[in-house]
Amino acid sequence: MPMPPPDTPIRWFTGLYHLLRWVLGGVFIYSGASKLLAPRVFAVLIEAYGLVPDAMLMPLAVILPTLEVLAGLALLVDLRGALGTITGLLVLFVAILAYGIRMGLDVDCGCFGPEDIEARAYHGLRPALYRDLLMLVGVGFMYAWRRYRHIDPLTGSSWLKKHLNKKTEDAYVEMDAEVDPGERSGGGSGRSGDGLHGQQVREGA
């Protein structure tokens, strides 16, 4: 049986890194978007923990999901700061869930908005806590792989510049493809004929 090439584990772990990046990004986009669809319901869920003043409930019910969506989108394209933001959010969620479990609160997690199937099924916080801890393990792997492979996420300006350059290159390719090859060759023949005619005139003079 032939031995796999030495770089096979590298490819596997690189694929796992990108898979985790896409999964985490998608989870946070879905989580934040579902809460933004019903911010008042999410505010009620926040109030159940008894940690936030009433005046801050609605602002937090909008700001927190918006941050989730933006962090998820940024992680999909691997922008700098996205993984750090998601790590901070996960740590915050774990701390709040652990507090709720310690206090014996009988509340819904609300992690995926008012239509959270998990919340209706279990009506508890432990499954959500275990899921967030598992995601933190994935985040830890991503940080370790970045350090091992010297992966440097893109900044916002470098990502924008990269895509603008790509669009510019595509536009030039399309413009070049629209030029008729016969016109290019005909133009060249015309220029050659002009040069020959000029040479004959000089010789006749």
Protein backbone atom coordinates (compact mmCIF):
# COMPACT_ATOMS: atom_id res chain seq x y z
CA MET A 1 0.00 0.00 0.00
CA PRO A 2 1.56 3.33 -1.00
CA MET A 3 2.37 5.74 1.81
CA PRO A 4 0.53 9.11 1.72
CA PRO A 5 2.68 12.10 0.85
CA PRO A 6 4.19 13.94 3.83
CA ASP A 7 1.99 16.98 3.32
CA THR A 8 -1.29 15.02 3.56
CA PRO A 9 -1.86 15.86 7.27
CA ILE A 10 -1.13 19.51 6.45
CA ARG A 11 -3.89 19.47 3.82
CA TRP A 12 -6.30 17.76 6.21
CA PHE A 13 -5.72 20.25 9.01
CA THR A 14 -5.88 23.17 6.56
CA GLY A 15 -9.22 21.86 5.31
CA LEU A 16 -10.42 21.49 8.90
CA TYR A 17 -9.37 25.06 9.62
CA HIS A 18 -11.43 26.40 6.71
CA LEU A 19 -14.37 24.12 7.56
CA LEU A 20 -14.44 25.40 11.14
CA ARG A 21 -14.17 28.98 9.89
CA TRP A 22 -17.18 28.54 7.59
CA VAL A 23 -19.24 26.64 10.18
CA LEU A 24 -18.59 29.15 12.96
CA GLY A 25 -19.26 32.04 10.62
CA GLY A 26 -22.52 30.48 9.45
CA VAL A 27 -23.66 29.70 13.01
CA PHE A 28 -23.08 33.27 14.15
CA ILE A 29 -24.78 34.76 11.08
CA TYR A 30 -27.85 32.56 11.59
CA SER A 31 -27.91 33.16 15.35
CA GLY A 32 -27.66 36.93 15.03
CA ALA A 33 -30.11 37.21 12.13
CA SER A 34 -32.78 35.14 13.92
CA LYS A 35 -32.56 37.43 16.95
CA LEU A 36 -32.71 40.58 14.83
CA LEU A 37 -36.01 39.37 13.36
CA ALA A 38 -37.61 39.61 16.83
CA PRO A 39 -35.52 41.94 19.04
CA ARG A 40 -38.32 42.47 21.58
CA VAL A 41 -38.60 38.75 22.22
CA PHE A 42 -34.83 38.53 22.60
CA ALA A 43 -34.96 41.46 25.05
CA VAL A 44 -37.42 39.48 27.18
CA LEU A 45 -35.03 36.51 27.18
CA ILE A 46 -32.17 38.79 28.28
CA GLU A 47 -34.34 40.22 31.04
CA ALA A 48 -34.95 36.73 32.42
CA TYR A 49 -31.30 36.51 33.51
CA GLY A 50 -31.62 39.63 35.65
CA LEU A 51 -28.19 40.98 34.69
CA VAL A 52 -29.07 43.98 32.52
CA PRO A 53 -30.90 47.20 33.50
CA ASP A 54 -34.26 47.70 31.80
CA ALA A 55 -33.01 50.75 29.89
CA MET A 56 -30.30 48.62 28.23
CA LEU A 57 -32.48 45.68 27.22
CA MET A 58 -33.58 46.86 23.76
CA PRO A 59 -30.22 48.42 22.76
CA LEU A 60 -28.45 45.20 23.78
CA ALA A 61 -31.06 43.09 21.98
CA VAL A 62 -30.10 44.88 18.77
CA ILE A 63 -26.37 45.49 19.24
CA LEU A 64 -25.47 41.94 20.31
CA PRO A 65 -27.10 40.14 17.34
CA THR A 66 -25.72 42.75 14.93
CA LEU A 67 -22.24 42.07 16.28
CA GLU A 68 -22.81 38.34 15.80
CA VAL A 69 -23.81 38.80 12.16
CA LEU A 70 -20.88 41.12 11.38
CA ALA A 71 -18.38 38.82 13.12
CA GLY A 72 -19.76 35.81 11.25
CA LEU A 73 -19.51 37.55 7.89
CA ALA A 74 -15.98 38.73 8.66
CA LEU A 75 -14.94 35.20 9.64
CA LEU A 76 -16.25 33.80 6.35
CA VAL A 77 -13.71 35.94 4.48
CA ASP A 78 -11.11 35.57 7.27
CA LEU A 79 -10.80 39.24 8.19
CA ARG A 80 -8.54 40.27 11.03
CA GLY A 81 -10.36 40.62 14.34
CA ALA A 82 -13.27 38.36 13.40
CA LEU A 83 -12.04 35.31 15.30
CA GLY A 84 -11.18 37.45 18.32
CA THR A 85 -14.69 38.94 18.34
CA ILE A 86 -16.29 35.51 18.11
CA THR A 87 -14.04 34.25 20.90
CA GLY A 88 -15.13 37.14 23.12
CA LEU A 89 -18.79 36.49 22.36
CA LEU A 90 -18.44 32.78 23.12
CA VAL A 91 -16.71 33.51 26.43
CA LEU A 92 -19.51 35.94 27.29
CA PHE A 93 -22.18 33.38 26.39
CA VAL A 94 -20.45 30.64 28.41
CA ALA A 95 -20.19 32.93 31.45
CA ILE A 96 -23.89 33.88 31.25
CA LEU A 97 -25.01 30.29 30.73
CA ALA A 98 -22.84 29.10 33.64
CA TYR A 99 -24.36 31.84 35.81
CA GLY A 100 -27.87 30.76 34.84
CA ILE A 101 -27.10 27.11 35.63
CA ARG A 102 -25.50 28.02 38.96
CA MET A 103 -28.51 30.15 39.94
CA GLY A 104 -30.90 27.40 38.85
CA LEU A 105 -32.71 29.68 36.42
CA ASP A 106 -35.52 28.02 34.50
CA VAL A 107 -35.13 30.09 31.36
CA ASP A 108 -34.68 29.48 27.66
CA CYS A 109 -31.27 29.91 26.13
CA GLY A 110 -32.59 32.00 23.24
CA CYS A 111 -29.34 31.35 21.41
CA PHE A 112 -31.09 31.16 18.04
CA GLY A 113 -33.91 33.60 18.65
CA PRO A 114 -37.54 32.96 19.59
CA GLU A 115 -37.83 29.94 17.28
CA ASP A 116 -34.99 28.10 18.99
CA ILE A 117 -35.98 24.41 18.76
CA GLU A 118 -33.38 23.48 21.37
CA ALA A 119 -34.92 25.89 23.88
CA ARG A 120 -38.41 24.47 23.40
CA ALA A 121 -37.17 20.88 23.61
CA TYR A 122 -34.93 21.06 26.64
CA HIS A 123 -35.98 24.30 28.33
CA GLY A 124 -32.53 24.35 29.89
CA LEU A 125 -29.10 25.86 29.57
CA ARG A 126 -26.75 22.90 29.74
CA PRO A 127 -27.00 21.82 26.07
CA ALA A 128 -26.26 25.39 25.00
CA LEU A 129 -23.30 25.56 27.39
CA TYR A 130 -21.83 22.32 26.03
CA ARG A 131 -22.27 23.54 22.45
CA ASP A 132 -20.52 26.84 23.18
CA LEU A 133 -17.66 25.03 24.93
CA LEU A 134 -17.30 22.78 21.88
CA MET A 135 -17.13 25.84 19.64
CA LEU A 136 -14.44 27.28 21.92
CA VAL A 137 -12.41 24.11 21.35
CA GLY A 138 -12.73 24.72 17.61
CA VAL A 139 -11.62 28.32 18.10
CA GLY A 140 -8.59 27.12 20.04
CA PHE A 141 -7.63 24.84 17.15
CA MET A 142 -7.98 27.72 14.69
CA TYR A 143 -5.68 29.93 16.74
CA ALA A 144 -3.13 27.11 17.04
CA TRP A 145 -3.24 26.38 13.29
CA ARG A 146 -2.84 30.04 12.44
CA ARG A 147 0.24 30.21 14.59
CA TYR A 148 1.68 26.97 13.22
CA ARG A 149 1.09 27.88 9.56
CA HIS A 150 1.77 31.61 9.99
CA ILE A 151 -1.69 32.48 8.65
CA ASP A 152 -2.22 36.22 8.66
CA PRO A 153 -5.91 37.20 8.25
CA LEU A 154 -6.74 40.01 5.87
CA THR A 155 -7.33 43.55 7.01
CA GLY A 156 -10.41 45.34 5.73
CA SER A 157 -8.38 47.57 3.41
CA SER A 158 -6.32 44.69 1.99
CA TRP A 159 -9.47 42.63 1.36
CA LEU A 160 -11.11 45.57 -0.43
CA LYS A 161 -7.97 46.25 -2.48
CA LYS A 162 -7.71 42.58 -3.45
CA HIS A 163 -11.28 42.46 -4.76
CA LEU A 164 -11.00 45.80 -6.56
CA ASN A 165 -7.85 44.59 -8.32
CA LYS A 166 -9.64 41.38 -9.30
CA LYS A 167 -12.55 43.34 -10.76
CA THR A 168 -10.15 45.58 -12.67
CA GLU A 169 -8.32 42.58 -14.13
CA ASP A 170 -11.64 40.99 -15.16
CA ALA A 171 -12.71 44.23 -16.85
CA TYR A 172 -9.47 44.35 -18.87
CA VAL A 173 -9.92 40.72 -19.91
CA GLU A 174 -13.48 41.42 -21.08
CA MET A 175 -12.37 44.51 -23.03
CA ASP A 176 -9.59 42.56 -24.71
CA ALA A 177 -11.98 39.76 -25.60
CA GLU A 178 -14.40 42.21 -27.25
CA VAL A 179 -11.73 43.44 -29.71
CA ASP A 180 -12.04 41.59 -33.03
CA PRO A 181 -8.80 39.74 -33.85
CA GLY A 182 -9.36 40.66 -37.52
CA GLU A 183 -9.38 44.33 -36.59
CA ARG A 184 -6.11 43.94 -34.72
CA SER A 185 -4.48 42.13 -37.66
CA GLY A 186 -6.04 44.53 -40.17
CA GLY A 187 -4.73 47.47 -38.24
CA GLY A 188 -1.29 45.96 -38.23
CA SER A 189 -1.45 45.33 -42.01
CA GLY A 190 -2.53 48.89 -42.60
CA ARG A 191 0.38 50.18 -40.63
CA SER A 192 2.75 47.91 -42.58
CA GLY A 193 1.27 49.13 -45.88
CA ASP A 194 1.69 52.75 -44.84
CA GLY A 195 5.32 52.08 -44.01
CA LEU A 196 5.94 50.42 -47.40
CA HIS A 197 4.23 53.28 -49.27
CA GLY A 198 6.38 55.78 -47.42
CA GLN A 199 9.50 53.86 -48.34
CA GLN A 200 8.51 53.82 -52.03
CA VAL A 201 7.88 57.57 -52.01
CA ARG A 202 11.31 58.21 -50.53
CA GLU A 203 12.95 55.94 -53.10
CA GLY A 204 11.14 57.72 -55.98
CA ALA A 205 12.25 61.10 -54.64
